[in-house]
C-alpha atoms as a PDB file:
ATOM      1  CA  UNK A   1     -31.890  58.009  37.023  1.00  0.00           C
ATOM      2  CA  UNK A   2     -30.313  60.332  34.437  1.00  0.00           C
ATOM      3  CA  UNK A   3     -31.837  58.605  31.420  1.00  0.00           C
ATOM      4  CA  UNK A   4     -35.590  58.906  30.887  1.00  0.00           C
ATOM      5  CA  UNK A   5     -35.808  56.088  28.368  1.00  0.00           C
ATOM      6  CA  UNK A   6     -37.764  53.059  29.582  1.00  0.00           C
ATOM      7  CA  UNK A   7     -35.841  49.839  30.100  1.00  0.00           C
ATOM      8  CA  UNK A   8     -36.221  47.111  27.484  1.00  0.00           C
ATOM      9  CA  UNK A   9     -35.575  43.418  28.001  1.00  0.00           C
ATOM     10  CA  UNK A  10     -33.460  42.353  25.005  1.00  0.00           C
ATOM     11  CA  UNK A  11     -35.735  40.596  22.524  1.00  0.00           C
ATOM     12  CA  UNK A  12     -32.912  38.604  20.932  1.00  0.00           C
ATOM     13  CA  UNK A  13     -31.876  37.140  24.289  1.00  0.00           C
ATOM     14  CA  UNK A  14     -35.461  36.260  25.205  1.00  0.00           C
ATOM     15  CA  UNK A  15     -35.968  34.606  21.819  1.00  0.00           C
ATOM     16  CA  UNK A  16     -32.832  32.509  22.202  1.00  0.00           C
ATOM     17  CA  UNK A  17     -33.787  31.387  25.701  1.00  0.00           C
ATOM     18  CA  UNK A  18     -37.350  30.606  24.577  1.00  0.00           C
ATOM     19  CA  UNK A  19     -35.959  28.088  22.073  1.00  0.00           C
ATOM     20  CA  UNK A  20     -34.623  26.027  24.987  1.00  0.00           C
ATOM     21  CA  UNK A  21     -36.487  23.805  27.451  1.00  0.00           C
ATOM     22  CA  UNK A  22     -37.393  25.698  30.657  1.00  0.00           C
ATOM     23  CA  UNK A  23     -34.502  25.692  33.109  1.00  0.00           C
ATOM     24  CA  UNK A  24     -35.100  24.023  36.471  1.00  0.00           C
ATOM     25  CA  UNK A  25     -34.095  26.905  38.731  1.00  0.00           C
ATOM     26  CA  UNK A  26     -33.902  27.015  42.505  1.00  0.00           C
ATOM     27  CA  UNK A  27     -34.918  30.403  43.932  1.00  0.00           C
ATOM     28  CA  UNK A  28     -32.982  30.759  47.180  1.00  0.00           C
ATOM     29  CA  UNK A  29     -35.064  31.976  50.132  1.00  0.00           C
ATOM     30  CA  UNK A  30     -37.980  33.100  47.983  1.00  0.00           C
ATOM     31  CA  UNK A  31     -39.638  34.898  50.894  1.00  0.00           C
ATOM     32  CA  UNK A  32     -40.113  38.336  49.324  1.00  0.00           C
ATOM     33  CA  UNK A  33     -42.514  39.669  46.744  1.00  0.00           C
ATOM     34  CA  UNK A  34     -39.579  40.731  44.559  1.00  0.00           C
ATOM     35  CA  UNK A  35     -38.113  37.218  44.511  1.00  0.00           C
ATOM     36  CA  UNK A  36     -41.476  35.667  43.721  1.00  0.00           C
ATOM     37  CA  UNK A  37     -42.262  38.234  41.034  1.00  0.00           C
ATOM     38  CA  UNK A  38     -38.876  37.572  39.411  1.00  0.00           C
ATOM     39  CA  UNK A  39     -39.603  33.858  39.288  1.00  0.00           C
ATOM     40  CA  UNK A  40     -43.146  34.416  38.088  1.00  0.00           C
ATOM     41  CA  UNK A  41     -42.059  36.608  35.173  1.00  0.00           C
ATOM     42  CA  UNK A  42     -39.635  33.938  34.009  1.00  0.00           C
ATOM     43  CA  UNK A  43     -42.295  31.233  34.375  1.00  0.00           C
ATOM     44  CA  UNK A  44     -44.787  33.243  32.325  1.00  0.00           C
ATOM     45  CA  UNK A  45     -42.211  33.471  29.517  1.00  0.00           C
ATOM     46  CA  UNK A  46     -41.587  29.708  29.801  1.00  0.00           C
ATOM     47  CA  UNK A  47     -37.915  30.330  30.671  1.00  0.00           C
ATOM     48  CA  UNK A  48     -37.728  28.439  33.964  1.00  0.00           C
ATOM     49  CA  UNK A  49     -39.385  25.782  36.050  1.00  0.00           C
ATOM     50  CA  UNK A  50     -38.930  27.149  39.580  1.00  0.00           C
ATOM     51  CA  UNK A  51     -38.155  25.350  42.792  1.00  0.00           C
ATOM     52  CA  UNK A  52     -39.002  27.847  45.512  1.00  0.00           C
ATOM     53  CA  UNK A  53     -36.782  27.355  48.551  1.00  0.00           C
ATOM     54  CA  UNK A  54     -37.747  29.019  51.811  1.00  0.00           C
ATOM     55  CA  UNK A  55     -40.276  29.014  54.647  1.00  0.00           C
ATOM     56  CA  UNK A  56     -43.262  27.373  52.968  1.00  0.00           C
ATOM     57  CA  UNK A  57     -46.050  29.211  54.800  1.00  0.00           C
ATOM     58  CA  UNK A  58     -44.446  32.576  54.135  1.00  0.00           C
ATOM     59  CA  UNK A  59     -43.918  31.850  50.443  1.00  0.00           C
ATOM     60  CA  UNK A  60     -47.565  30.844  50.088  1.00  0.00           C
ATOM     61  CA  UNK A  61     -48.716  33.990  51.900  1.00  0.00           C
ATOM     62  CA  UNK A  62     -46.584  36.306  49.757  1.00  0.00           C
ATOM     63  CA  UNK A  63     -47.607  34.513  46.567  1.00  0.00           C
ATOM     64  CA  UNK A  64     -51.225  35.161  47.525  1.00  0.00           C
ATOM     65  CA  UNK A  65     -50.505  38.885  47.798  1.00  0.00           C
ATOM     66  CA  UNK A  66     -49.303  38.982  44.182  1.00  0.00           C
ATOM     67  CA  UNK A  67     -52.107  36.664  43.010  1.00  0.00           C
ATOM     68  CA  UNK A  68     -49.764  33.849  41.990  1.00  0.00           C
ATOM     69  CA  UNK A  69     -51.361  30.468  42.661  1.00  0.00           C
ATOM     70  CA  UNK A  70     -48.516  28.064  43.332  1.00  0.00           C
ATOM     71  CA  UNK A  71     -50.266  25.128  41.710  1.00  0.00           C
ATOM     72  CA  UNK A  72     -47.731  22.678  40.289  1.00  0.00           C
ATOM     73  CA  UNK A  73     -44.823  24.762  41.708  1.00  0.00           C
ATOM     74  CA  UNK A  74     -42.417  22.781  43.877  1.00  0.00           C
ATOM     75  CA  UNK A  75     -41.821  24.293  47.312  1.00  0.00           C
ATOM     76  CA  UNK A  76     -38.814  23.259  49.395  1.00  0.00           C
ATOM     77  CA  UNK A  77     -39.033  24.255  53.039  1.00  0.00           C
ATOM     78  CA  UNK A  78     -35.994  25.967  54.579  1.00  0.00           C
ATOM     79  CA  UNK A  79     -35.606  27.675  57.937  1.00  0.00           C
ATOM     80  CA  UNK A  80     -33.703  30.867  57.142  1.00  0.00           C
ATOM     81  CA  UNK A  81     -31.065  32.107  54.711  1.00  0.00           C
ATOM     82  CA  UNK A  82     -28.251  29.670  55.443  1.00  0.00           C
ATOM     83  CA  UNK A  83     -30.583  26.682  55.392  1.00  0.00           C
ATOM     84  CA  UNK A  84     -32.065  27.856  52.075  1.00  0.00           C
ATOM     85  CA  UNK A  85     -28.574  27.973  50.561  1.00  0.00           C
ATOM     86  CA  UNK A  86     -27.804  24.472  51.882  1.00  0.00           C
ATOM     87  CA  UNK A  87     -31.070  23.094  50.506  1.00  0.00           C
ATOM     88  CA  UNK A  88     -30.313  24.710  47.133  1.00  0.00           C
ATOM     89  CA  UNK A  89     -26.871  23.109  47.034  1.00  0.00           C
ATOM     90  CA  UNK A  90     -28.532  19.753  47.656  1.00  0.00           C
ATOM     91  CA  UNK A  91     -30.998  20.363  44.816  1.00  0.00           C
ATOM     92  CA  UNK A  92     -28.203  21.142  42.366  1.00  0.00           C
ATOM     93  CA  UNK A  93     -25.988  18.275  43.470  1.00  0.00           C
ATOM     94  CA  UNK A  94     -28.922  15.905  43.197  1.00  0.00           C
ATOM     95  CA  UNK A  95     -29.777  17.101  39.691  1.00  0.00           C
ATOM     96  CA  UNK A  96     -33.193  18.559  40.554  1.00  0.00           C
ATOM     97  CA  UNK A  97     -32.035  22.128  39.810  1.00  0.00           C
ATOM     98  CA  UNK A  98     -29.772  23.285  36.970  1.00  0.00           C
ATOM     99  CA  UNK A  99     -29.844  26.994  37.773  1.00  0.00           C
ATOM    100  CA  UNK A 100     -29.811  29.181  40.892  1.00  0.00           C
ATOM    101  CA  UNK A 101     -31.501  32.528  41.506  1.00  0.00           C
ATOM    102  CA  UNK A 102     -30.774  34.704  44.521  1.00  0.00           C
ATOM    103  CA  UNK A 103     -33.891  35.531  46.483  1.00  0.00           C
ATOM    104  CA  UNK A 104     -34.247  37.313  49.817  1.00  0.00           C
ATOM    105  CA  UNK A 105     -30.789  36.451  51.127  1.00  0.00           C
ATOM    106  CA  UNK A 106     -27.674  38.479  51.932  1.00  0.00           C
ATOM    107  CA  UNK A 107     -25.144  38.224  49.128  1.00  0.00           C
ATOM    108  CA  UNK A 108     -22.282  37.211  51.429  1.00  0.00           C
ATOM    109  CA  UNK A 109     -24.307  34.338  52.928  1.00  0.00           C
ATOM    110  CA  UNK A 110     -25.533  33.339  49.473  1.00  0.00           C
ATOM    111  CA  UNK A 111     -22.176  33.268  47.706  1.00  0.00           C
ATOM    112  CA  UNK A 112     -20.215  31.853  50.657  1.00  0.00           C
ATOM    113  CA  UNK A 113     -22.486  28.842  50.748  1.00  0.00           C
ATOM    114  CA  UNK A 114     -22.107  28.235  47.016  1.00  0.00           C
ATOM    115  CA  UNK A 115     -18.383  28.789  46.482  1.00  0.00           C
ATOM    116  CA  UNK A 116     -17.023  26.731  49.399  1.00  0.00           C
ATOM    117  CA  UNK A 117     -15.371  23.537  48.202  1.00  0.00           C
ATOM    118  CA  UNK A 118     -17.628  21.407  50.356  1.00  0.00           C
ATOM    119  CA  UNK A 119     -20.651  22.526  48.335  1.00  0.00           C
ATOM    120  CA  UNK A 120     -19.494  20.480  45.373  1.00  0.00           C
ATOM    121  CA  UNK A 121     -20.656  23.180  42.957  1.00  0.00           C
ATOM    122  CA  UNK A 122     -17.254  24.223  41.686  1.00  0.00           C
ATOM    123  CA  UNK A 123     -16.902  23.365  38.035  1.00  0.00           C
ATOM    124  CA  UNK A 124     -13.130  23.151  38.205  1.00  0.00           C
ATOM    125  CA  UNK A 125     -12.487  26.834  37.537  1.00  0.00           C
ATOM    126  CA  UNK A 126     -13.126  30.319  38.856  1.00  0.00           C
ATOM    127  CA  UNK A 127     -16.537  31.758  39.651  1.00  0.00           C
ATOM    128  CA  UNK A 128     -16.809  34.874  37.472  1.00  0.00           C
ATOM    129  CA  UNK A 129     -19.640  37.268  36.711  1.00  0.00           C
ATOM    130  CA  UNK A 130     -20.791  38.464  33.302  1.00  0.00           C
ATOM    131  CA  UNK A 131     -23.178  41.299  32.484  1.00  0.00           C
ATOM    132  CA  UNK A 132     -25.093  41.155  29.202  1.00  0.00           C
ATOM    133  CA  UNK A 133     -25.761  44.824  28.380  1.00  0.00           C
ATOM    134  CA  UNK A 134     -28.184  46.173  25.792  1.00  0.00           C
ATOM    135  CA  UNK A 135     -29.608  49.648  25.258  1.00  0.00           C
ATOM    136  CA  UNK A 136     -33.167  50.557  24.170  1.00  0.00           C
ATOM    137  CA  UNK A 137     -33.731  50.340  20.440  1.00  0.00           C
ATOM    138  CA  UNK A 138     -30.757  48.086  19.739  1.00  0.00           C
ATOM    139  CA  UNK A 139     -30.238  44.318  19.854  1.00  0.00           C
ATOM    140  CA  UNK A 140     -26.449  44.730  19.931  1.00  0.00           C
ATOM    141  CA  UNK A 141     -25.179  43.175  23.165  1.00  0.00           C
ATOM    142  CA  UNK A 142     -21.982  43.868  25.065  1.00  0.00           C
ATOM    143  CA  UNK A 143     -20.659  41.370  27.611  1.00  0.00           C
ATOM    144  CA  UNK A 144     -18.763  42.838  30.561  1.00  0.00           C
ATOM    145  CA  UNK A 145     -16.642  40.793  32.970  1.00  0.00           C
ATOM    146  CA  UNK A 146     -16.030  40.800  35.944  1.00  0.00           C
ATOM    147  CA  UNK A 147     -18.013  43.585  37.604  1.00  0.00           C
ATOM    148  CA  UNK A 148     -19.517  41.778  40.583  1.00  0.00           C
ATOM    149  CA  UNK A 149     -17.639  38.797  42.056  1.00  0.00           C
ATOM    150  CA  UNK A 150     -13.829  38.982  41.946  1.00  0.00           C
ATOM    151  CA  UNK A 151     -12.745  42.061  43.865  1.00  0.00           C
ATOM    152  CA  UNK A 152      -9.022  42.186  43.045  1.00  0.00           C
ATOM    153  CA  UNK A 153      -8.547  39.675  40.231  1.00  0.00           C
ATOM    154  CA  UNK A 154      -5.069  38.617  39.195  1.00  0.00           C
ATOM    155  CA  UNK A 155      -4.203  37.572  35.647  1.00  0.00           C
ATOM    156  CA  UNK A 156      -5.411  34.010  36.258  1.00  0.00           C
ATOM    157  CA  UNK A 157      -8.809  35.180  37.511  1.00  0.00           C
ATOM    158  CA  UNK A 158      -9.204  37.595  34.616  1.00  0.00           C
ATOM    159  CA  UNK A 159      -8.239  34.909  32.136  1.00  0.00           C
ATOM    160  CA  UNK A 160     -10.894  32.639  33.642  1.00  0.00           C
ATOM    161  CA  UNK A 161     -13.408  35.478  33.330  1.00  0.00           C
ATOM    162  CA  UNK A 162     -12.458  35.804  29.680  1.00  0.00           C
ATOM    163  CA  UNK A 163     -12.854  32.074  29.056  1.00  0.00           C
ATOM    164  CA  UNK A 164     -16.259  31.995  30.751  1.00  0.00           C
ATOM    165  CA  UNK A 165     -17.455  35.040  28.806  1.00  0.00           C
ATOM    166  CA  UNK A 166     -16.301  33.593  25.484  1.00  0.00           C
ATOM    167  CA  UNK A 167     -18.108  30.319  26.201  1.00  0.00           C
ATOM    168  CA  UNK A 168     -21.288  32.280  26.957  1.00  0.00           C
ATOM    169  CA  UNK A 169     -20.930  34.422  23.819  1.00  0.00           C
ATOM    170  CA  UNK A 170     -20.668  31.278  21.700  1.00  0.00           C
ATOM    171  CA  UNK A 171     -23.894  29.962  23.247  1.00  0.00           C
ATOM    172  CA  UNK A 172     -25.514  33.310  22.458  1.00  0.00           C
ATOM    173  CA  UNK A 173     -24.666  32.778  18.802  1.00  0.00           C
ATOM    174  CA  UNK A 174     -21.619  35.034  18.425  1.00  0.00           C
ATOM    175  CA  UNK A 175     -19.586  33.140  15.828  1.00  0.00           C
ATOM    176  CA  UNK A 176     -16.105  34.282  16.865  1.00  0.00           C
ATOM    177  CA  UNK A 177     -16.296  36.633  19.846  1.00  0.00           C
ATOM    178  CA  UNK A 178     -14.201  39.796  19.778  1.00  0.00           C
ATOM    179  CA  UNK A 179     -12.648  40.341  23.205  1.00  0.00           C
ATOM    180  CA  UNK A 180     -11.115  43.629  24.342  1.00  0.00           C
ATOM    181  CA  UNK A 181      -8.931  43.827  27.448  1.00  0.00           C
ATOM    182  CA  UNK A 182      -9.494  47.255  28.948  1.00  0.00           C
ATOM    183  CA  UNK A 183      -6.802  49.648  30.118  1.00  0.00           C
ATOM    184  CA  UNK A 184      -6.318  53.409  29.693  1.00  0.00           C
ATOM    185  CA  UNK A 185      -3.906  53.124  26.799  1.00  0.00           C
ATOM    186  CA  UNK A 186      -3.011  51.031  23.770  1.00  0.00           C
ATOM    187  CA  UNK A 187       0.641  50.821  24.771  1.00  0.00           C
ATOM    188  CA  UNK A 188       2.224  48.807  27.554  1.00  0.00           C
ATOM    189  CA  UNK A 189       3.225  51.261  30.272  1.00  0.00           C
ATOM    190  CA  UNK A 190       5.295  49.887  33.195  1.00  0.00           C
ATOM    191  CA  UNK A 191       3.630  52.418  35.506  1.00  0.00           C
ATOM    192  CA  UNK A 192       0.167  51.146  34.512  1.00  0.00           C
ATOM    193  CA  UNK A 193      -0.079  47.492  35.570  1.00  0.00           C
ATOM    194  CA  UNK A 194      -3.394  46.981  33.767  1.00  0.00           C
ATOM    195  CA  UNK A 195      -1.707  47.640  30.417  1.00  0.00           C
ATOM    196  CA  UNK A 196       0.985  45.005  30.949  1.00  0.00           C
ATOM    197  CA  UNK A 197      -1.578  42.502  32.225  1.00  0.00           C
ATOM    198  CA  UNK A 198      -3.797  43.195  29.211  1.00  0.00           C
ATOM    199  CA  UNK A 199      -0.945  42.357  26.856  1.00  0.00           C
ATOM    200  CA  UNK A 200      -0.269  39.193  28.849  1.00  0.00           C
ATOM    201  CA  UNK A 201      -3.918  38.174  28.652  1.00  0.00           C
ATOM    202  CA  UNK A 202      -3.997  38.741  24.903  1.00  0.00           C
ATOM    203  CA  UNK A 203      -0.929  36.514  24.488  1.00  0.00           C
ATOM    204  CA  UNK A 204      -2.465  33.771  26.636  1.00  0.00           C
ATOM    205  CA  UNK A 205      -5.704  33.940  24.685  1.00  0.00           C
ATOM    206  CA  UNK A 206      -3.880  33.596  21.371  1.00  0.00           C
ATOM    207  CA  UNK A 207      -2.517  30.272  22.646  1.00  0.00           C
ATOM    208  CA  UNK A 208      -5.517  28.924  24.559  1.00  0.00           C
ATOM    209  CA  UNK A 209      -8.725  30.504  23.192  1.00  0.00           C
ATOM    210  CA  UNK A 210      -8.506  30.104  19.411  1.00  0.00           C
ATOM    211  CA  UNK A 211     -12.279  30.443  19.034  1.00  0.00           C
ATOM    212  CA  UNK A 212     -12.048  34.149  19.993  1.00  0.00           C
ATOM    213  CA  UNK A 213     -10.216  37.232  18.774  1.00  0.00           C
ATOM    214  CA  UNK A 214      -8.553  39.077  21.650  1.00  0.00           C
ATOM    215  CA  UNK A 215      -6.826  42.443  21.749  1.00  0.00           C
ATOM    216  CA  UNK A 216      -5.279  44.373  24.610  1.00  0.00           C
ATOM    217  CA  UNK A 217      -4.451  46.749  25.997  1.00  0.00           C
ATOM    218  CA  UNK A 218      -7.170  49.000  24.582  1.00  0.00           C
ATOM    219  CA  UNK A 219      -8.622  52.222  25.942  1.00  0.00           C
ATOM    220  CA  UNK A 220     -12.398  52.378  26.134  1.00  0.00           C
ATOM    221  CA  UNK A 221     -12.894  54.592  23.087  1.00  0.00           C
ATOM    222  CA  UNK A 222     -10.826  52.215  20.982  1.00  0.00           C
ATOM    223  CA  UNK A 223     -12.989  49.339  22.186  1.00  0.00           C
ATOM    224  CA  UNK A 224     -16.403  50.741  21.276  1.00  0.00           C
ATOM    225  CA  UNK A 225     -15.786  53.315  18.538  1.00  0.00           C
ATOM    226  CA  UNK A 226     -14.618  52.323  15.024  1.00  0.00           C
ATOM    227  CA  UNK A 227     -13.903  56.003  14.358  1.00  0.00           C
ATOM    228  CA  UNK A 228     -11.627  56.296  17.388  1.00  0.00           C
ATOM    229  CA  UNK A 229      -9.802  53.124  16.363  1.00  0.00           C
ATOM    230  CA  UNK A 230      -9.371  54.433  12.814  1.00  0.00           C
ATOM    231  CA  UNK A 231      -8.057  57.809  13.974  1.00  0.00           C
ATOM    232  CA  UNK A 232      -5.576  56.034  16.242  1.00  0.00           C
ATOM    233  CA  UNK A 233      -4.599  53.755  13.341  1.00  0.00           C
ATOM    234  CA  UNK A 234      -5.530  50.579  15.261  1.00  0.00           C
ATOM    235  CA  UNK A 235      -6.293  47.929  12.675  1.00  0.00           C
ATOM    236  CA  UNK A 236      -6.998  44.912  14.897  1.00  0.00           C
ATOM    237  CA  UNK A 237     -10.501  43.487  14.131  1.00  0.00           C
ATOM    238  CA  UNK A 238     -11.519  43.803  17.781  1.00  0.00           C
ATOM    239  CA  UNK A 239     -10.888  47.569  17.889  1.00  0.00           C
ATOM    240  CA  UNK A 240     -14.154  49.483  17.824  1.00  0.00           C
ATOM    241  CA  UNK A 241     -16.230  46.303  17.528  1.00  0.00           C
ATOM    242  CA  UNK A 242     -15.813  44.370  20.776  1.00  0.00           C
ATOM    243  CA  UNK A 243     -18.388  41.817  21.904  1.00  0.00           C
ATOM    244  CA  UNK A 244     -16.716  41.327  25.308  1.00  0.00           C
ATOM    245  CA  UNK A 245     -14.840  43.709  27.594  1.00  0.00           C
ATOM    246  CA  UNK A 246     -12.533  42.297  30.274  1.00  0.00           C
ATOM    247  CA  UNK A 247     -12.063  44.962  32.946  1.00  0.00           C
ATOM    248  CA  UNK A 248      -8.993  45.326  35.204  1.00  0.00           C
ATOM    249  CA  UNK A 249     -10.895  45.635  38.502  1.00  0.00           C
ATOM    250  CA  UNK A 250     -14.328  45.340  40.046  1.00  0.00           C
ATOM    251  CA  UNK A 251     -14.471  49.118  40.534  1.00  0.00           C
ATOM    252  CA  UNK A 252     -13.992  49.714  36.808  1.00  0.00           C
ATOM    253  CA  UNK A 253     -16.580  47.142  35.822  1.00  0.00           C
ATOM    254  CA  UNK A 254     -19.078  48.225  38.450  1.00  0.00           C
ATOM    255  CA  UNK A 255     -18.844  51.881  37.419  1.00  0.00           C
ATOM    256  CA  UNK A 256     -19.027  51.058  33.714  1.00  0.00           C
ATOM    257  CA  UNK A 257     -22.160  48.944  33.881  1.00  0.00           C
ATOM    258  CA  UNK A 258     -23.913  51.359  36.245  1.00  0.00           C
ATOM    259  CA  UNK A 259     -23.099  54.302  33.971  1.00  0.00           C
ATOM    260  CA  UNK A 260     -24.722  52.399  31.119  1.00  0.00           C
ATOM    261  CA  UNK A 261     -27.775  51.627  33.272  1.00  0.00           C
ATOM    262  CA  UNK A 262     -28.250  55.134  34.650  1.00  0.00           C
ATOM    263  CA  UNK A 263     -27.057  57.195  31.661  1.00  0.00           C
ATOM    264  CA  UNK A 264     -28.405  54.989  28.837  1.00  0.00           C
ATOM    265  CA  UNK A 265     -31.192  52.867  30.390  1.00  0.00           C
ATOM    266  CA  UNK A 266     -29.163  49.753  29.611  1.00  0.00           C
ATOM    267  CA  UNK A 267     -30.708  46.441  30.569  1.00  0.00           C
ATOM    268  CA  UNK A 268     -28.072  44.637  32.646  1.00  0.00           C
ATOM    269  CA  UNK A 269     -28.677  40.900  32.712  1.00  0.00           C
ATOM    270  CA  UNK A 270     -26.166  39.236  35.005  1.00  0.00           C
ATOM    271  CA  UNK A 271     -25.044  35.686  35.712  1.00  0.00           C
ATOM    272  CA  UNK A 272     -22.220  34.006  37.633  1.00  0.00           C
ATOM    273  CA  UNK A 273     -20.425  31.338  35.608  1.00  0.00           C
ATOM    274  CA  UNK A 274     -17.923  28.654  36.582  1.00  0.00           C
ATOM    275  CA  UNK A 275     -20.220  26.697  38.888  1.00  0.00           C
ATOM    276  CA  UNK A 276     -22.108  23.515  38.028  1.00  0.00           C
ATOM    277  CA  UNK A 277     -25.176  25.707  37.613  1.00  0.00           C
ATOM    278  CA  UNK A 278     -25.405  29.343  36.476  1.00  0.00           C
ATOM    279  CA  UNK A 279     -26.159  31.739  39.329  1.00  0.00           C
ATOM    280  CA  UNK A 280     -28.440  34.762  38.934  1.00  0.00           C
ATOM    281  CA  UNK A 281     -27.590  37.587  41.348  1.00  0.00           C
ATOM    282  CA  UNK A 282     -30.820  39.564  41.289  1.00  0.00           C
ATOM    283  CA  UNK A 283     -31.269  42.713  43.363  1.00  0.00           C
ATOM    284  CA  UNK A 284     -34.284  44.573  44.685  1.00  0.00           C
ATOM    285  CA  UNK A 285     -32.931  47.612  42.806  1.00  0.00           C
ATOM    286  CA  UNK A 286     -32.986  45.807  39.454  1.00  0.00           C
ATOM    287  CA  UNK A 287     -35.861  46.762  37.144  1.00  0.00           C
ATOM    288  CA  UNK A 288     -38.173  43.908  36.143  1.00  0.00           C
ATOM    289  CA  UNK A 289     -36.677  43.863  32.647  1.00  0.00           C
ATOM    290  CA  UNK A 290     -33.198  43.116  34.010  1.00  0.00           C
ATOM    291  CA  UNK A 291     -34.478  40.360  36.285  1.00  0.00           C
ATOM    292  CA  UNK A 292     -36.313  38.709  33.398  1.00  0.00           C
ATOM    293  CA  UNK A 293     -33.283  39.044  31.117  1.00  0.00           C
ATOM    294  CA  UNK A 294     -31.028  37.531  33.803  1.00  0.00           C
ATOM    295  CA  UNK A 295     -33.235  34.426  33.949  1.00  0.00           C
ATOM    296  CA  UNK A 296     -33.026  34.184  30.159  1.00  0.00           C
ATOM    297  CA  UNK A 297     -29.260  34.543  30.266  1.00  0.00           C
ATOM    298  CA  UNK A 298     -28.990  31.754  32.839  1.00  0.00           C
ATOM    299  CA  UNK A 299     -31.122  29.506  30.646  1.00  0.00           C
ATOM    300  CA  UNK A 300     -28.750  30.076  27.729  1.00  0.00           C
ATOM    301  CA  UNK A 301     -25.687  29.599  29.933  1.00  0.00           C
ATOM    302  CA  UNK A 302     -27.018  26.255  31.209  1.00  0.00           C
ATOM    303  CA  UNK A 303     -27.680  24.891  27.725  1.00  0.00           C
ATOM    304  CA  UNK A 304     -25.541  21.963  26.600  1.00  0.00           C
END
C-alpha cells in the first residue's frame, strides 16, 4: 500500500442507505469469516437483512468464532458453491431476496450462475459493474464503469454501462449526472478507436439519456481537473467536473480504480447492475470499509 491514510467508508453514502428499509440480501456461500463479517457489519448499520446461504453447520461454527449469534438470521442450506448460487437464484426469483452478496465462492462460478438466461435474473439489459470511489476527507464521489465485468466491451456494452451508472447516480441524489467518456485525447483520432467510440457514445447519450450531460472523448486530466480543461479551452460542463467516467476497457478501469485505492486510500464500493437484484462482488482483499460501503451502495441501487 503506497498511501498511509486510513480508509474511510463514505459517510454520505451510508447516510443515504440508512434512510432506506434494510435490503433483503442473500450472501452466497457464507462459509468464511470474511463473508460473515461483511454481512454482520451491514446488519449492525441496519443496511441489510441477510439470508445466509451455505452449509448450515459450517456457517453456525464460523459465526461462533466471530461471536455473532445468528438469532433471527435466516439460514438456507446449500451443499457447495454451485448449489449456493442456485439457491440464491431461487431466493431472488421468489422475492425473498432483493440483493446478492458474493461470499466464499469463485467469481466464475458465481457470475456464471447468475448471468445465464435460465436464471431469470436478467433485467433486459447488460450486466455492468460500477465502482463508487471516495477519498479520505472528502464526500465527493466518482463513479467508474466498467472495471470488473465486461472484458472487451463494444459500444453497446459501454452504452449500457453508462445508462446503468446514470440511473445509480440519480438514486444517489446527483441531479443531472456529468458523464465523461475516457480516451487519451479530446479529438477523434482514426488510429485510436476509443476516441471514435467515445464520440459515438456521446452522440447516443444526447439522444437517449437526456437526464445526463455526456462528453467524449476526454483525456483523464480534462475529466477531473477544471484547470486542465480551462488551459485546453474545453468549455463543456462535464470537463473537469465529471461524476461518472466510462472507461474504454476493463484494463483501464481496473488500473484506475486500483491506483486510487493504493495511491490515495480510496474506498471502492462496487456493485453489478442490470440484474433483477444488485450484486455485490466482495473480495477477501477488500478492506472492511469497502465491504460496508458496497452493501450500502447495493441498498441504494435496489431502491424503487
